[in-house]
PDB file of N, CA and C in Angstrom:
ATOM      1  N   MET A   1      14.919   7.940  -8.702  1.00  0.00           N
ATOM      2  CA  MET A   1      13.607   8.271  -8.178  1.00  0.00           C
ATOM      3  C   MET A   1      13.008   7.021  -7.527  1.00  0.00           C
ATOM      4  N   LYS A   2      12.493   7.166  -6.321  1.00  0.00           N
ATOM      5  CA  LYS A   2      11.890   6.041  -5.597  1.00  0.00           C
ATOM      6  C   LYS A   2      10.542   5.694  -6.222  1.00  0.00           C
ATOM      7  N   LYS A   3      10.261   4.370  -6.286  1.00  0.00           N
ATOM      8  CA  LYS A   3       9.015   3.880  -6.879  1.00  0.00           C
ATOM      9  C   LYS A   3       8.041   3.429  -5.792  1.00  0.00           C
ATOM     10  N   ILE A   4       6.787   3.850  -5.942  1.00  0.00           N
ATOM     11  CA  ILE A   4       5.727   3.438  -5.025  1.00  0.00           C
ATOM     12  C   ILE A   4       4.664   2.696  -5.819  1.00  0.00           C
ATOM     13  N   LEU A   5       4.309   1.515  -5.337  1.00  0.00           N
ATOM     14  CA  LEU A   5       3.225   0.722  -5.920  1.00  0.00           C
ATOM     15  C   LEU A   5       1.980   0.901  -5.060  1.00  0.00           C
ATOM     16  N   ILE A   6       0.903   1.377  -5.690  1.00  0.00           N
ATOM     17  CA  ILE A   6      -0.383   1.531  -5.015  1.00  0.00           C
ATOM     18  C   ILE A   6      -1.268   0.371  -5.456  1.00  0.00           C
ATOM     19  N   ILE A   7      -1.834  -0.357  -4.480  1.00  0.00           N
ATOM     20  CA  ILE A   7      -2.752  -1.455  -4.788  1.00  0.00           C
ATOM     21  C   ILE A   7      -4.078  -1.142  -4.094  1.00  0.00           C
ATOM     22  N   ASP A   8      -5.091  -0.827  -4.882  1.00  0.00           N
ATOM     23  CA  ASP A   8      -6.416  -0.498  -4.320  1.00  0.00           C
ATOM     24  C   ASP A   8      -7.460  -0.731  -5.391  1.00  0.00           C
ATOM     25  N   ASP A   9      -8.584  -1.324  -5.004  1.00  0.00           N
ATOM     26  CA  ASP A   9      -9.634  -1.602  -5.973  1.00  0.00           C
ATOM     27  C   ASP A   9     -10.458  -0.362  -6.313  1.00  0.00           C
ATOM     28  N   GLU A  10     -10.296   0.720  -5.579  1.00  0.00           N
ATOM     29  CA  GLU A  10     -11.031   1.951  -5.851  1.00  0.00           C
ATOM     30  C   GLU A  10     -10.198   2.865  -6.744  1.00  0.00           C
ATOM     31  N   ALA A  11     -10.688   3.112  -7.962  1.00  0.00           N
ATOM     32  CA  ALA A  11      -9.954   3.936  -8.925  1.00  0.00           C
ATOM     33  C   ALA A  11      -9.686   5.337  -8.376  1.00  0.00           C
ATOM     34  N   LEU A  12     -10.637   5.901  -7.667  1.00  0.00           N
ATOM     35  CA  LEU A  12     -10.474   7.249  -7.127  1.00  0.00           C
ATOM     36  C   LEU A  12      -9.317   7.311  -6.125  1.00  0.00           C
ATOM     37  N   ILE A  13      -9.181   6.289  -5.292  1.00  0.00           N
ATOM     38  CA  ILE A  13      -8.077   6.239  -4.315  1.00  0.00           C
ATOM     39  C   ILE A  13      -6.745   6.107  -5.053  1.00  0.00           C
ATOM     40  N   ARG A  14      -6.691   5.224  -6.054  1.00  0.00           N
ATOM     41  CA  ARG A  14      -5.450   5.065  -6.831  1.00  0.00           C
ATOM     42  C   ARG A  14      -5.038   6.387  -7.467  1.00  0.00           C
ATOM     43  N   LYS A  15      -6.007   7.074  -8.049  1.00  0.00           N
ATOM     44  CA  LYS A  15      -5.730   8.344  -8.724  1.00  0.00           C
ATOM     45  C   LYS A  15      -5.270   9.409  -7.726  1.00  0.00           C
ATOM     46  N   MET A  16      -5.981   9.523  -6.606  1.00  0.00           N
ATOM     47  CA  MET A  16      -5.656  10.533  -5.601  1.00  0.00           C
ATOM     48  C   MET A  16      -4.270  10.295  -5.015  1.00  0.00           C
ATOM     49  N   LEU A  17      -3.975   9.054  -4.625  1.00  0.00           N
ATOM     50  CA  LEU A  17      -2.656   8.744  -4.071  1.00  0.00           C
ATOM     51  C   LEU A  17      -1.565   8.904  -5.126  1.00  0.00           C
ATOM     52  N   GLY A  18      -1.858   8.494  -6.347  1.00  0.00           N
ATOM     53  CA  GLY A  18      -0.892   8.632  -7.431  1.00  0.00           C
ATOM     54  C   GLY A  18      -0.482  10.078  -7.640  1.00  0.00           C
ATOM     55  N   LYS A  19      -1.459  10.973  -7.685  1.00  0.00           N
ATOM     56  CA  LYS A  19      -1.157  12.404  -7.858  1.00  0.00           C
ATOM     57  C   LYS A  19      -0.367  12.941  -6.668  1.00  0.00           C
ATOM     58  N   LEU A  20      -0.753  12.542  -5.465  1.00  0.00           N
ATOM     59  CA  LEU A  20      -0.058  12.986  -4.255  1.00  0.00           C
ATOM     60  C   LEU A  20       1.416  12.582  -4.300  1.00  0.00           C
ATOM     61  N   PHE A  21       1.676  11.319  -4.620  1.00  0.00           N
ATOM     62  CA  PHE A  21       3.049  10.832  -4.638  1.00  0.00           C
ATOM     63  C   PHE A  21       3.860  11.445  -5.784  1.00  0.00           C
ATOM     64  N   GLU A  22       3.265  11.536  -6.975  1.00  0.00           N
ATOM     65  CA  GLU A  22       3.973  12.121  -8.114  1.00  0.00           C
ATOM     66  C   GLU A  22       4.330  13.576  -7.835  1.00  0.00           C
ATOM     67  N   LYS A  23       3.404  14.314  -7.239  1.00  0.00           N
ATOM     68  CA  LYS A  23       3.635  15.719  -6.905  1.00  0.00           C
ATOM     69  C   LYS A  23       4.802  15.875  -5.925  1.00  0.00           C
ATOM     70  N   ASN A  24       5.055  14.821  -5.156  1.00  0.00           N
ATOM     71  CA  ASN A  24       6.141  14.856  -4.171  1.00  0.00           C
ATOM     72  C   ASN A  24       7.399  14.130  -4.638  1.00  0.00           C
ATOM     73  N   GLY A  25       7.479  13.884  -5.950  1.00  0.00           N
ATOM     74  CA  GLY A  25       8.724  13.390  -6.531  1.00  0.00           C
ATOM     75  C   GLY A  25       8.906  11.894  -6.602  1.00  0.00           C
ATOM     76  N   TYR A  26       7.829  11.137  -6.489  1.00  0.00           N
ATOM     77  CA  TYR A  26       7.940   9.682  -6.562  1.00  0.00           C
ATOM     78  C   TYR A  26       7.391   9.168  -7.894  1.00  0.00           C
ATOM     79  N   GLU A  27       7.953   8.076  -8.369  1.00  0.00           N
ATOM     80  CA  GLU A  27       7.393   7.369  -9.517  1.00  0.00           C
ATOM     81  C   GLU A  27       6.279   6.469  -8.983  1.00  0.00           C
ATOM     82  N   VAL A  28       5.169   6.380  -9.714  1.00  0.00           N
ATOM     83  CA  VAL A  28       4.013   5.639  -9.219  1.00  0.00           C
ATOM     84  C   VAL A  28       3.611   4.524 -10.174  1.00  0.00           C
ATOM     85  N   LEU A  29       3.323   3.370  -9.597  1.00  0.00           N
ATOM     86  CA  LEU A  29       2.715   2.243 -10.297  1.00  0.00           C
ATOM     87  C   LEU A  29       1.388   1.992  -9.594  1.00  0.00           C
ATOM     88  N   ALA A  30       0.387   1.525 -10.321  1.00  0.00           N
ATOM     89  CA  ALA A  30      -0.915   1.301  -9.687  1.00  0.00           C
ATOM     90  C   ALA A  30      -1.539  -0.002 -10.165  1.00  0.00           C
ATOM     91  N   ALA A  31      -2.162  -0.704  -9.216  1.00  0.00           N
ATOM     92  CA  ALA A  31      -2.840  -1.970  -9.500  1.00  0.00           C
ATOM     93  C   ALA A  31      -4.220  -1.940  -8.864  1.00  0.00           C
ATOM     94  N   HIS A  32      -5.183  -2.595  -9.540  1.00  0.00           N
ATOM     95  CA  HIS A  32      -6.554  -2.586  -9.028  1.00  0.00           C
ATOM     96  C   HIS A  32      -6.893  -3.791  -8.155  1.00  0.00           C
ATOM     97  N   ASN A  33      -5.960  -4.723  -7.990  1.00  0.00           N
ATOM     98  CA  ASN A  33      -6.177  -5.837  -7.057  1.00  0.00           C
ATOM     99  C   ASN A  33      -4.827  -6.450  -6.694  1.00  0.00           C
ATOM    100  N   GLY A  34      -4.864  -7.345  -5.725  1.00  0.00           N
ATOM    101  CA  GLY A  34      -3.631  -7.955  -5.244  1.00  0.00           C
ATOM    102  C   GLY A  34      -2.886  -8.764  -6.289  1.00  0.00           C
ATOM    103  N   ASN A  35      -3.612  -9.473  -7.138  1.00  0.00           N
ATOM    104  CA  ASN A  35      -2.956 -10.273  -8.172  1.00  0.00           C
ATOM    105  C   ASN A  35      -2.166  -9.387  -9.132  1.00  0.00           C
ATOM    106  N   GLN A  36      -2.804  -8.315  -9.591  1.00  0.00           N
ATOM    107  CA  GLN A  36      -2.118  -7.376 -10.482  1.00  0.00           C
ATOM    108  C   GLN A  36      -0.958  -6.705  -9.741  1.00  0.00           C
ATOM    109  N   GLY A  37      -1.172  -6.397  -8.470  1.00  0.00           N
ATOM    110  CA  GLY A  37      -0.134  -5.776  -7.662  1.00  0.00           C
ATOM    111  C   GLY A  37       1.099  -6.655  -7.534  1.00  0.00           C
ATOM    112  N   ILE A  38       0.891  -7.945  -7.295  1.00  0.00           N
ATOM    113  CA  ILE A  38       2.016  -8.884  -7.188  1.00  0.00           C
ATOM    114  C   ILE A  38       2.796  -8.918  -8.503  1.00  0.00           C
ATOM    115  N   GLN A  39       2.084  -8.936  -9.632  1.00  0.00           N
ATOM    116  CA  GLN A  39       2.767  -8.960 -10.929  1.00  0.00           C
ATOM    117  C   GLN A  39       3.578  -7.690 -11.144  1.00  0.00           C
ATOM    118  N   LEU A  40       2.998  -6.523 -10.830  1.00  0.00           N
ATOM    119  CA  LEU A  40       3.733  -5.269 -10.968  1.00  0.00           C
ATOM    120  C   LEU A  40       4.939  -5.246 -10.024  1.00  0.00           C
ATOM    121  N   PHE A  41       4.763  -5.807  -8.835  1.00  0.00           N
ATOM    122  CA  PHE A  41       5.868  -5.877  -7.881  1.00  0.00           C
ATOM    123  C   PHE A  41       7.021  -6.696  -8.472  1.00  0.00           C
ATOM    124  N   LYS A  42       6.707  -7.841  -9.042  1.00  0.00           N
ATOM    125  CA  LYS A  42       7.732  -8.692  -9.651  1.00  0.00           C
ATOM    126  C   LYS A  42       8.413  -7.986 -10.823  1.00  0.00           C
ATOM    127  N   ASP A  43       7.631  -7.273 -11.633  1.00  0.00           N
ATOM    128  CA  ASP A  43       8.153  -6.642 -12.847  1.00  0.00           C
ATOM    129  C   ASP A  43       8.959  -5.370 -12.583  1.00  0.00           C
ATOM    130  N   HIS A  44       8.626  -4.619 -11.523  1.00  0.00           N
ATOM    131  CA  HIS A  44       9.205  -3.285 -11.343  1.00  0.00           C
ATOM    132  C   HIS A  44       9.967  -3.070 -10.040  1.00  0.00           C
ATOM    133  N   ASP A  45       9.910  -4.004  -9.103  1.00  0.00           N
ATOM    134  CA  ASP A  45      10.659  -3.925  -7.847  1.00  0.00           C
ATOM    135  C   ASP A  45      10.551  -2.548  -7.176  1.00  0.00           C
ATOM    136  N   PRO A  46       9.330  -2.150  -6.766  1.00  0.00           N
ATOM    137  CA  PRO A  46       9.172  -0.835  -6.141  1.00  0.00           C
ATOM    138  C   PRO A  46       9.831  -0.774  -4.761  1.00  0.00           C
ATOM    139  N   ASP A  47      10.070   0.449  -4.312  1.00  0.00           N
ATOM    140  CA  ASP A  47      10.694   0.681  -3.010  1.00  0.00           C
ATOM    141  C   ASP A  47       9.680   0.624  -1.871  1.00  0.00           C
ATOM    142  N   LEU A  48       8.408   0.897  -2.203  1.00  0.00           N
ATOM    143  CA  LEU A  48       7.351   0.964  -1.199  1.00  0.00           C
ATOM    144  C   LEU A  48       6.052   0.493  -1.814  1.00  0.00           C
ATOM    145  N   VAL A  49       5.247  -0.197  -1.016  1.00  0.00           N
ATOM    146  CA  VAL A  49       3.924  -0.642  -1.449  1.00  0.00           C
ATOM    147  C   VAL A  49       2.888  -0.039  -0.506  1.00  0.00           C
ATOM    148  N   VAL A  50       1.861   0.561  -1.095  1.00  0.00           N
ATOM    149  CA  VAL A  50       0.705   1.033  -0.325  1.00  0.00           C
ATOM    150  C   VAL A  50      -0.456   0.162  -0.789  1.00  0.00           C
ATOM    151  N   THR A  51      -0.986  -0.660   0.128  1.00  0.00           N
ATOM    152  CA  THR A  51      -2.047  -1.580  -0.273  1.00  0.00           C
ATOM    153  C   THR A  51      -3.298  -1.449   0.579  1.00  0.00           C
ATOM    154  N   ASP A  52      -4.418  -1.513  -0.107  1.00  0.00           N
ATOM    155  CA  ASP A  52      -5.710  -1.600   0.562  1.00  0.00           C
ATOM    156  C   ASP A  52      -5.805  -3.008   1.159  1.00  0.00           C
ATOM    157  N   LEU A  53      -6.659  -3.159   2.152  1.00  0.00           N
ATOM    158  CA  LEU A  53      -6.801  -4.479   2.781  1.00  0.00           C
ATOM    159  C   LEU A  53      -8.028  -5.242   2.301  1.00  0.00           C
ATOM    160  N   ILE A  54      -9.097  -4.530   1.975  1.00  0.00           N
ATOM    161  CA  ILE A  54     -10.325  -5.185   1.535  1.00  0.00           C
ATOM    162  C   ILE A  54     -10.445  -5.006   0.023  1.00  0.00           C
ATOM    163  N   MET A  55     -10.158  -6.093  -0.719  1.00  0.00           N
ATOM    164  CA  MET A  55     -10.210  -6.053  -2.185  1.00  0.00           C
ATOM    165  C   MET A  55     -10.704  -7.389  -2.712  1.00  0.00           C
ATOM    166  N   PRO A  56     -11.302  -7.365  -3.905  1.00  0.00           N
ATOM    167  CA  PRO A  56     -11.686  -8.633  -4.536  1.00  0.00           C
ATOM    168  C   PRO A  56     -10.455  -9.370  -5.075  1.00  0.00           C
ATOM    169  N   GLU A  57     -10.618 -10.617  -5.372  1.00  0.00           N
ATOM    170  CA  GLU A  57      -9.601 -11.500  -5.958  1.00  0.00           C
ATOM    171  C   GLU A  57      -8.496 -11.880  -4.991  1.00  0.00           C
ATOM    172  N   LYS A  58      -7.720 -10.913  -4.513  1.00  0.00           N
ATOM    173  CA  LYS A  58      -6.669 -11.204  -3.528  1.00  0.00           C
ATOM    174  C   LYS A  58      -6.682 -10.047  -2.547  1.00  0.00           C
ATOM    175  N   GLU A  59      -7.086 -10.323  -1.326  1.00  0.00           N
ATOM    176  CA  GLU A  59      -7.203  -9.244  -0.342  1.00  0.00           C
ATOM    177  C   GLU A  59      -5.835  -8.838   0.200  1.00  0.00           C
ATOM    178  N   GLY A  60      -5.806  -7.764   0.953  1.00  0.00           N
ATOM    179  CA  GLY A  60      -4.557  -7.128   1.353  1.00  0.00           C
ATOM    180  C   GLY A  60      -3.630  -7.950   2.219  1.00  0.00           C
ATOM    181  N   MET A  61      -4.176  -8.703   3.180  1.00  0.00           N
ATOM    182  CA  MET A  61      -3.302  -9.510   4.054  1.00  0.00           C
ATOM    183  C   MET A  61      -2.526 -10.537   3.229  1.00  0.00           C
ATOM    184  N   GLU A  62      -3.224 -11.167   2.308  1.00  0.00           N
ATOM    185  CA  GLU A  62      -2.606 -12.156   1.428  1.00  0.00           C
ATOM    186  C   GLU A  62      -1.553 -11.482   0.538  1.00  0.00           C
ATOM    187  N   THR A  63      -1.885 -10.290   0.055  1.00  0.00           N
ATOM    188  CA  THR A  63      -0.960  -9.536  -0.786  1.00  0.00           C
ATOM    189  C   THR A  63       0.300  -9.172  -0.009  1.00  0.00           C
ATOM    190  N   ILE A  64       0.135  -8.688   1.219  1.00  0.00           N
ATOM    191  CA  ILE A  64       1.292  -8.352   2.059  1.00  0.00           C
ATOM    192  C   ILE A  64       2.158  -9.594   2.280  1.00  0.00           C
ATOM    193  N   ARG A  65       1.522 -10.704   2.607  1.00  0.00           N
ATOM    194  CA  ARG A  65       2.269 -11.951   2.843  1.00  0.00           C
ATOM    195  C   ARG A  65       3.065 -12.358   1.603  1.00  0.00           C
ATOM    196  N   ASP A  66       2.434 -12.290   0.435  1.00  0.00           N
ATOM    197  CA  ASP A  66       3.102 -12.693  -0.801  1.00  0.00           C
ATOM    198  C   ASP A  66       4.245 -11.738  -1.163  1.00  0.00           C
ATOM    199  N   ILE A  67       4.051 -10.454  -0.941  1.00  0.00           N
ATOM    200  CA  ILE A  67       5.112  -9.475  -1.215  1.00  0.00           C
ATOM    201  C   ILE A  67       6.286  -9.703  -0.265  1.00  0.00           C
ATOM    202  N   ARG A  68       5.992  -9.982   0.986  1.00  0.00           N
ATOM    203  CA  ARG A  68       7.057 -10.253   1.973  1.00  0.00           C
ATOM    204  C   ARG A  68       7.878 -11.480   1.557  1.00  0.00           C
ATOM    205  N   LYS A  69       7.222 -12.488   0.959  1.00  0.00           N
ATOM    206  CA  LYS A  69       7.954 -13.671   0.484  1.00  0.00           C
ATOM    207  C   LYS A  69       8.896 -13.296  -0.659  1.00  0.00           C
ATOM    208  N   LEU A  70       8.457 -12.366  -1.517  1.00  0.00           N
ATOM    209  CA  LEU A  70       9.278 -11.950  -2.653  1.00  0.00           C
ATOM    210  C   LEU A  70      10.431 -11.047  -2.211  1.00  0.00           C
ATOM    211  N   ASN A  71      10.170 -10.171  -1.250  1.00  0.00           N
ATOM    212  CA  ASN A  71      11.193  -9.248  -0.761  1.00  0.00           C
ATOM    213  C   ASN A  71      10.884  -8.879   0.687  1.00  0.00           C
ATOM    214  N   PRO A  72      11.545  -9.548   1.637  1.00  0.00           N
ATOM    215  CA  PRO A  72      11.276  -9.296   3.057  1.00  0.00           C
ATOM    216  C   PRO A  72      11.628  -7.878   3.508  1.00  0.00           C
ATOM    217  N   GLU A  73      12.420  -7.154   2.707  1.00  0.00           N
ATOM    218  CA  GLU A  73      12.888  -5.823   3.109  1.00  0.00           C
ATOM    219  C   GLU A  73      12.030  -4.671   2.596  1.00  0.00           C
ATOM    220  N   VAL A  74      11.122  -4.934   1.652  1.00  0.00           N
ATOM    221  CA  VAL A  74      10.341  -3.837   1.064  1.00  0.00           C
ATOM    222  C   VAL A  74       9.468  -3.176   2.133  1.00  0.00           C
ATOM    223  N   LYS A  75       9.285  -1.888   1.985  1.00  0.00           N
ATOM    224  CA  LYS A  75       8.455  -1.121   2.923  1.00  0.00           C
ATOM    225  C   LYS A  75       6.995  -1.221   2.492  1.00  0.00           C
ATOM    226  N   ILE A  76       6.098  -1.377   3.487  1.00  0.00           N
ATOM    227  CA  ILE A  76       4.673  -1.553   3.187  1.00  0.00           C
ATOM    228  C   ILE A  76       3.837  -0.666   4.101  1.00  0.00           C
ATOM    229  N   ILE A  77       2.860   0.010   3.485  1.00  0.00           N
ATOM    230  CA  ILE A  77       1.852   0.774   4.216  1.00  0.00           C
ATOM    231  C   ILE A  77       0.498   0.181   3.859  1.00  0.00           C
ATOM    232  N   ALA A  78      -0.292  -0.146   4.889  1.00  0.00           N
ATOM    233  CA  ALA A  78      -1.632  -0.697   4.680  1.00  0.00           C
ATOM    234  C   ALA A  78      -2.667   0.411   4.884  1.00  0.00           C
ATOM    235  N   ILE A  79      -3.713   0.375   4.048  1.00  0.00           N
ATOM    236  CA  ILE A  79      -4.817   1.317   4.202  1.00  0.00           C
ATOM    237  C   ILE A  79      -6.121   0.534   4.173  1.00  0.00           C
ATOM    238  N   SER A  80      -7.133   1.041   4.899  1.00  0.00           N
ATOM    239  CA  SER A  80      -8.413   0.335   4.905  1.00  0.00           C
ATOM    240  C   SER A  80      -9.545   1.271   5.279  1.00  0.00           C
ATOM    241  N   GLY A  81     -10.663   1.031   4.626  1.00  0.00           N
ATOM    242  CA  GLY A  81     -11.886   1.759   4.954  1.00  0.00           C
ATOM    243  C   GLY A  81     -12.787   0.930   5.837  1.00  0.00           C
ATOM    244  N   GLY A  82     -12.320  -0.237   6.220  1.00  0.00           N
ATOM    245  CA  GLY A  82     -13.126  -1.083   7.103  1.00  0.00           C
ATOM    246  C   GLY A  82     -13.600  -2.330   6.402  1.00  0.00           C
ATOM    247  N   GLY A  83     -14.813  -2.670   6.660  1.00  0.00           N
ATOM    248  CA  GLY A  83     -15.380  -3.907   6.150  1.00  0.00           C
ATOM    249  C   GLY A  83     -16.487  -4.296   7.097  1.00  0.00           C
ATOM    250  N   VAL A  84     -16.632  -5.573   7.339  1.00  0.00           N
ATOM    251  CA  VAL A  84     -17.700  -6.031   8.235  1.00  0.00           C
ATOM    252  C   VAL A  84     -17.346  -5.834   9.701  1.00  0.00           C
ATOM    253  N   VAL A  85     -16.061  -5.608   9.983  1.00  0.00           N
ATOM    254  CA  VAL A  85     -15.649  -5.345  11.363  1.00  0.00           C
ATOM    255  C   VAL A  85     -14.932  -4.006  11.431  1.00  0.00           C
ATOM    256  N   ASP A  86     -14.523  -3.634  12.611  1.00  0.00           N
ATOM    257  CA  ASP A  86     -13.826  -2.382  12.866  1.00  0.00           C
ATOM    258  C   ASP A  86     -12.557  -2.286  12.014  1.00  0.00           C
ATOM    259  N   PRO A  87     -12.371  -1.169  11.268  1.00  0.00           N
ATOM    260  CA  PRO A  87     -11.167  -1.041  10.437  1.00  0.00           C
ATOM    261  C   PRO A  87      -9.868  -1.137  11.238  1.00  0.00           C
ATOM    262  N   GLU A  88      -9.892  -0.738  12.504  1.00  0.00           N
ATOM    263  CA  GLU A  88      -8.676  -0.812  13.324  1.00  0.00           C
ATOM    264  C   GLU A  88      -8.195  -2.256  13.477  1.00  0.00           C
ATOM    265  N   LEU A  89      -9.127  -3.210  13.514  1.00  0.00           N
ATOM    266  CA  LEU A  89      -8.747  -4.617  13.608  1.00  0.00           C
ATOM    267  C   LEU A  89      -7.943  -5.027  12.372  1.00  0.00           C
ATOM    268  N   TYR A  90      -8.430  -4.650  11.187  1.00  0.00           N
ATOM    269  CA  TYR A  90      -7.708  -4.956   9.954  1.00  0.00           C
ATOM    270  C   TYR A  90      -6.334  -4.308   9.950  1.00  0.00           C
ATOM    271  N   LEU A  91      -6.274  -3.063  10.392  1.00  0.00           N
ATOM    272  CA  LEU A  91      -5.006  -2.335  10.373  1.00  0.00           C
ATOM    273  C   LEU A  91      -3.999  -2.919  11.360  1.00  0.00           C
ATOM    274  N   THR A  92      -4.474  -3.358  12.517  1.00  0.00           N
ATOM    275  CA  THR A  92      -3.604  -4.017  13.494  1.00  0.00           C
ATOM    276  C   THR A  92      -3.073  -5.326  12.924  1.00  0.00           C
ATOM    277  N   LEU A  93      -3.940  -6.095  12.291  1.00  0.00           N
ATOM    278  CA  LEU A  93      -3.513  -7.350  11.659  1.00  0.00           C
ATOM    279  C   LEU A  93      -2.490  -7.089  10.554  1.00  0.00           C
ATOM    280  N   ALA A  94      -2.703  -6.034   9.790  1.00  0.00           N
ATOM    281  CA  ALA A  94      -1.770  -5.712   8.708  1.00  0.00           C
ATOM    282  C   ALA A  94      -0.370  -5.456   9.254  1.00  0.00           C
ATOM    283  N   ARG A  95      -0.287  -4.785  10.391  1.00  0.00           N
ATOM    284  CA  ARG A  95       1.028  -4.543  10.992  1.00  0.00           C
ATOM    285  C   ARG A  95       1.657  -5.859  11.438  1.00  0.00           C
ATOM    286  N   LYS A  96       0.841  -6.784  11.925  1.00  0.00           N
ATOM    287  CA  LYS A  96       1.370  -8.101  12.313  1.00  0.00           C
ATOM    288  C   LYS A  96       1.851  -8.891  11.094  1.00  0.00           C
ATOM    289  N   PHE A  97       1.229  -8.640   9.932  1.00  0.00           N
ATOM    290  CA  PHE A  97       1.630  -9.313   8.695  1.00  0.00           C
ATOM    291  C   PHE A  97       2.857  -8.672   8.065  1.00  0.00           C
ATOM    292  N   GLY A  98       3.269  -7.489   8.562  1.00  0.00           N
ATOM    293  CA  GLY A  98       4.493  -6.895   8.057  1.00  0.00           C
ATOM    294  C   GLY A  98       4.403  -5.470   7.549  1.00  0.00           C
ATOM    295  N   ALA A  99       3.240  -4.829   7.635  1.00  0.00           N
ATOM    296  CA  ALA A  99       3.157  -3.416   7.234  1.00  0.00           C
ATOM    297  C   ALA A  99       3.793  -2.554   8.325  1.00  0.00           C
ATOM    298  N   GLN A 100       4.609  -1.599   7.921  1.00  0.00           N
ATOM    299  CA  GLN A 100       5.254  -0.726   8.908  1.00  0.00           C
ATOM    300  C   GLN A 100       4.292   0.342   9.429  1.00  0.00           C
ATOM    301  N   TYR A 101       3.381   0.798   8.562  1.00  0.00           N
ATOM    302  CA  TYR A 101       2.393   1.801   8.934  1.00  0.00           C
ATOM    303  C   TYR A 101       1.035   1.347   8.432  1.00  0.00           C
ATOM    304  N   SER A 102      -0.016   1.856   9.075  1.00  0.00           N
ATOM    305  CA  SER A 102      -1.365   1.585   8.594  1.00  0.00           C
ATOM    306  C   SER A 102      -2.217   2.826   8.834  1.00  0.00           C
ATOM    307  N   PHE A 103      -3.105   3.072   7.882  1.00  0.00           N
ATOM    308  CA  PHE A 103      -3.978   4.239   7.938  1.00  0.00           C
ATOM    309  C   PHE A 103      -5.398   3.845   7.566  1.00  0.00           C
ATOM    310  N   SER A 104      -6.375   4.433   8.263  1.00  0.00           N
ATOM    311  CA  SER A 104      -7.760   4.203   7.867  1.00  0.00           C
ATOM    312  C   SER A 104      -8.190   5.299   6.897  1.00  0.00           C
ATOM    313  N   LYS A 105      -9.092   4.920   6.001  1.00  0.00           N
ATOM    314  CA  LYS A 105      -9.653   5.877   5.046  1.00  0.00           C
ATOM    315  C   LYS A 105     -10.774   6.641   5.750  1.00  0.00           C
ATOM    316  N   PRO A 106     -10.974   7.919   5.455  1.00  0.00           N
ATOM    317  CA  PRO A 106     -10.174   8.731   4.550  1.00  0.00           C
ATOM    318  C   PRO A 106      -8.786   8.994   5.137  1.00  0.00           C
ATOM    319  N   ILE A 107      -7.805   9.031   4.263  1.00  0.00           N
ATOM    320  CA  ILE A 107      -6.405   9.121   4.674  1.00  0.00           C
ATOM    321  C   ILE A 107      -5.994  10.584   4.838  1.00  0.00           C
ATOM    322  N   ASP A 108      -5.261  10.846   5.893  1.00  0.00           N
ATOM    323  CA  ASP A 108      -4.664  12.162   6.109  1.00  0.00           C
ATOM    324  C   ASP A 108      -3.398  12.213   5.249  1.00  0.00           C
ATOM    325  N   ASN A 109      -3.445  12.995   4.168  1.00  0.00           N
ATOM    326  CA  ASN A 109      -2.332  13.036   3.215  1.00  0.00           C
ATOM    327  C   ASN A 109      -1.011  13.445   3.853  1.00  0.00           C
ATOM    328  N   GLU A 110      -1.039  14.391   4.765  1.00  0.00           N
ATOM    329  CA  GLU A 110       0.203  14.839   5.399  1.00  0.00           C
ATOM    330  C   GLU A 110       0.830  13.722   6.229  1.00  0.00           C
ATOM    331  N   LYS A 111       0.011  13.002   6.992  1.00  0.00           N
ATOM    332  CA  LYS A 111       0.542  11.890   7.797  1.00  0.00           C
ATOM    333  C   LYS A 111       1.061  10.772   6.900  1.00  0.00           C
ATOM    334  N   LEU A 112       0.349  10.514   5.813  1.00  0.00           N
ATOM    335  CA  LEU A 112       0.787   9.484   4.875  1.00  0.00           C
ATOM    336  C   LEU A 112       2.134   9.865   4.262  1.00  0.00           C
ATOM    337  N   LEU A 113       2.277  11.107   3.822  1.00  0.00           N
ATOM    338  CA  LEU A 113       3.548  11.548   3.241  1.00  0.00           C
ATOM    339  C   LEU A 113       4.685  11.484   4.245  1.00  0.00           C
ATOM    340  N   LEU A 114       4.416  11.823   5.498  1.00  0.00           N
ATOM    341  CA  LEU A 114       5.450  11.714   6.538  1.00  0.00           C
ATOM    342  C   LEU A 114       5.900  10.261   6.690  1.00  0.00           C
ATOM    343  N   ALA A 115       4.942   9.332   6.667  1.00  0.00           N
ATOM    344  CA  ALA A 115       5.276   7.909   6.770  1.00  0.00           C
ATOM    345  C   ALA A 115       6.099   7.457   5.574  1.00  0.00           C
ATOM    346  N   VAL A 116       5.693   7.879   4.374  1.00  0.00           N
ATOM    347  CA  VAL A 116       6.425   7.518   3.162  1.00  0.00           C
ATOM    348  C   VAL A 116       7.859   8.037   3.240  1.00  0.00           C
ATOM    349  N   LYS A 117       8.013   9.306   3.612  1.00  0.00           N
ATOM    350  CA  LYS A 117       9.353   9.893   3.718  1.00  0.00           C
ATOM    351  C   LYS A 117      10.190   9.170   4.774  1.00  0.00           C
ATOM    352  N   ALA A 118       9.577   8.812   5.900  1.00  0.00           N
ATOM    353  CA  ALA A 118      10.308   8.102   6.948  1.00  0.00           C
ATOM    354  C   ALA A 118      10.788   6.738   6.453  1.00  0.00           C
ATOM    355  N   LEU A 119       9.958   6.055   5.686  1.00  0.00           N
ATOM    356  CA  LEU A 119      10.331   4.728   5.195  1.00  0.00           C
ATOM    357  C   LEU A 119      11.353   4.779   4.052  1.00  0.00           C
ATOM    358  N   LEU A 120      11.303   5.824   3.246  1.00  0.00           N
ATOM    359  CA  LEU A 120      12.159   5.868   2.054  1.00  0.00           C
ATOM    360  C   LEU A 120      13.424   6.715   2.219  1.00  0.00           C
ATOM    361  N   THR A 121      13.576   7.362   3.347  1.00  0.00           N
ATOM    362  CA  THR A 121      14.780   8.149   3.582  1.00  0.00           C
ATOM    363  C   THR A 121      15.823   7.278   4.268  1.00  0.00           C
ATOM    364  N   PRO A 122      16.997   7.148   3.654  1.00  0.00           N
ATOM    365  CA  PRO A 122      18.024   6.272   4.243  1.00  0.00           C
ATOM    366  C   PRO A 122      18.546   6.792   5.577  1.00  0.00           C
TER     367      PRO A 122
END
């Protein structure tokens, strides 16, 4: 079973994505910030990471960079609800940092699942 690590400071987003992925046959790990996410990544070696970009303690760009150092091949999807600037700017930057896909919140579950399947299907 493929493992997906969700990193988001919003409990509701973690829960919603977790249920979506589990319902579609994936094992789910969840972290409430980048630091916890990095530790779970080291401990469980997930196949895919879905990370928020705006978080306390360790924000998403830093998290993506650190995960890429640990495993340059892991698949990453960035999500963002914005911040002080246009969310598209954050999402574009996330792709430059190594995310294969990026989505703005609220997330279209069908598009997200298609991206997950595309990344995890050999």
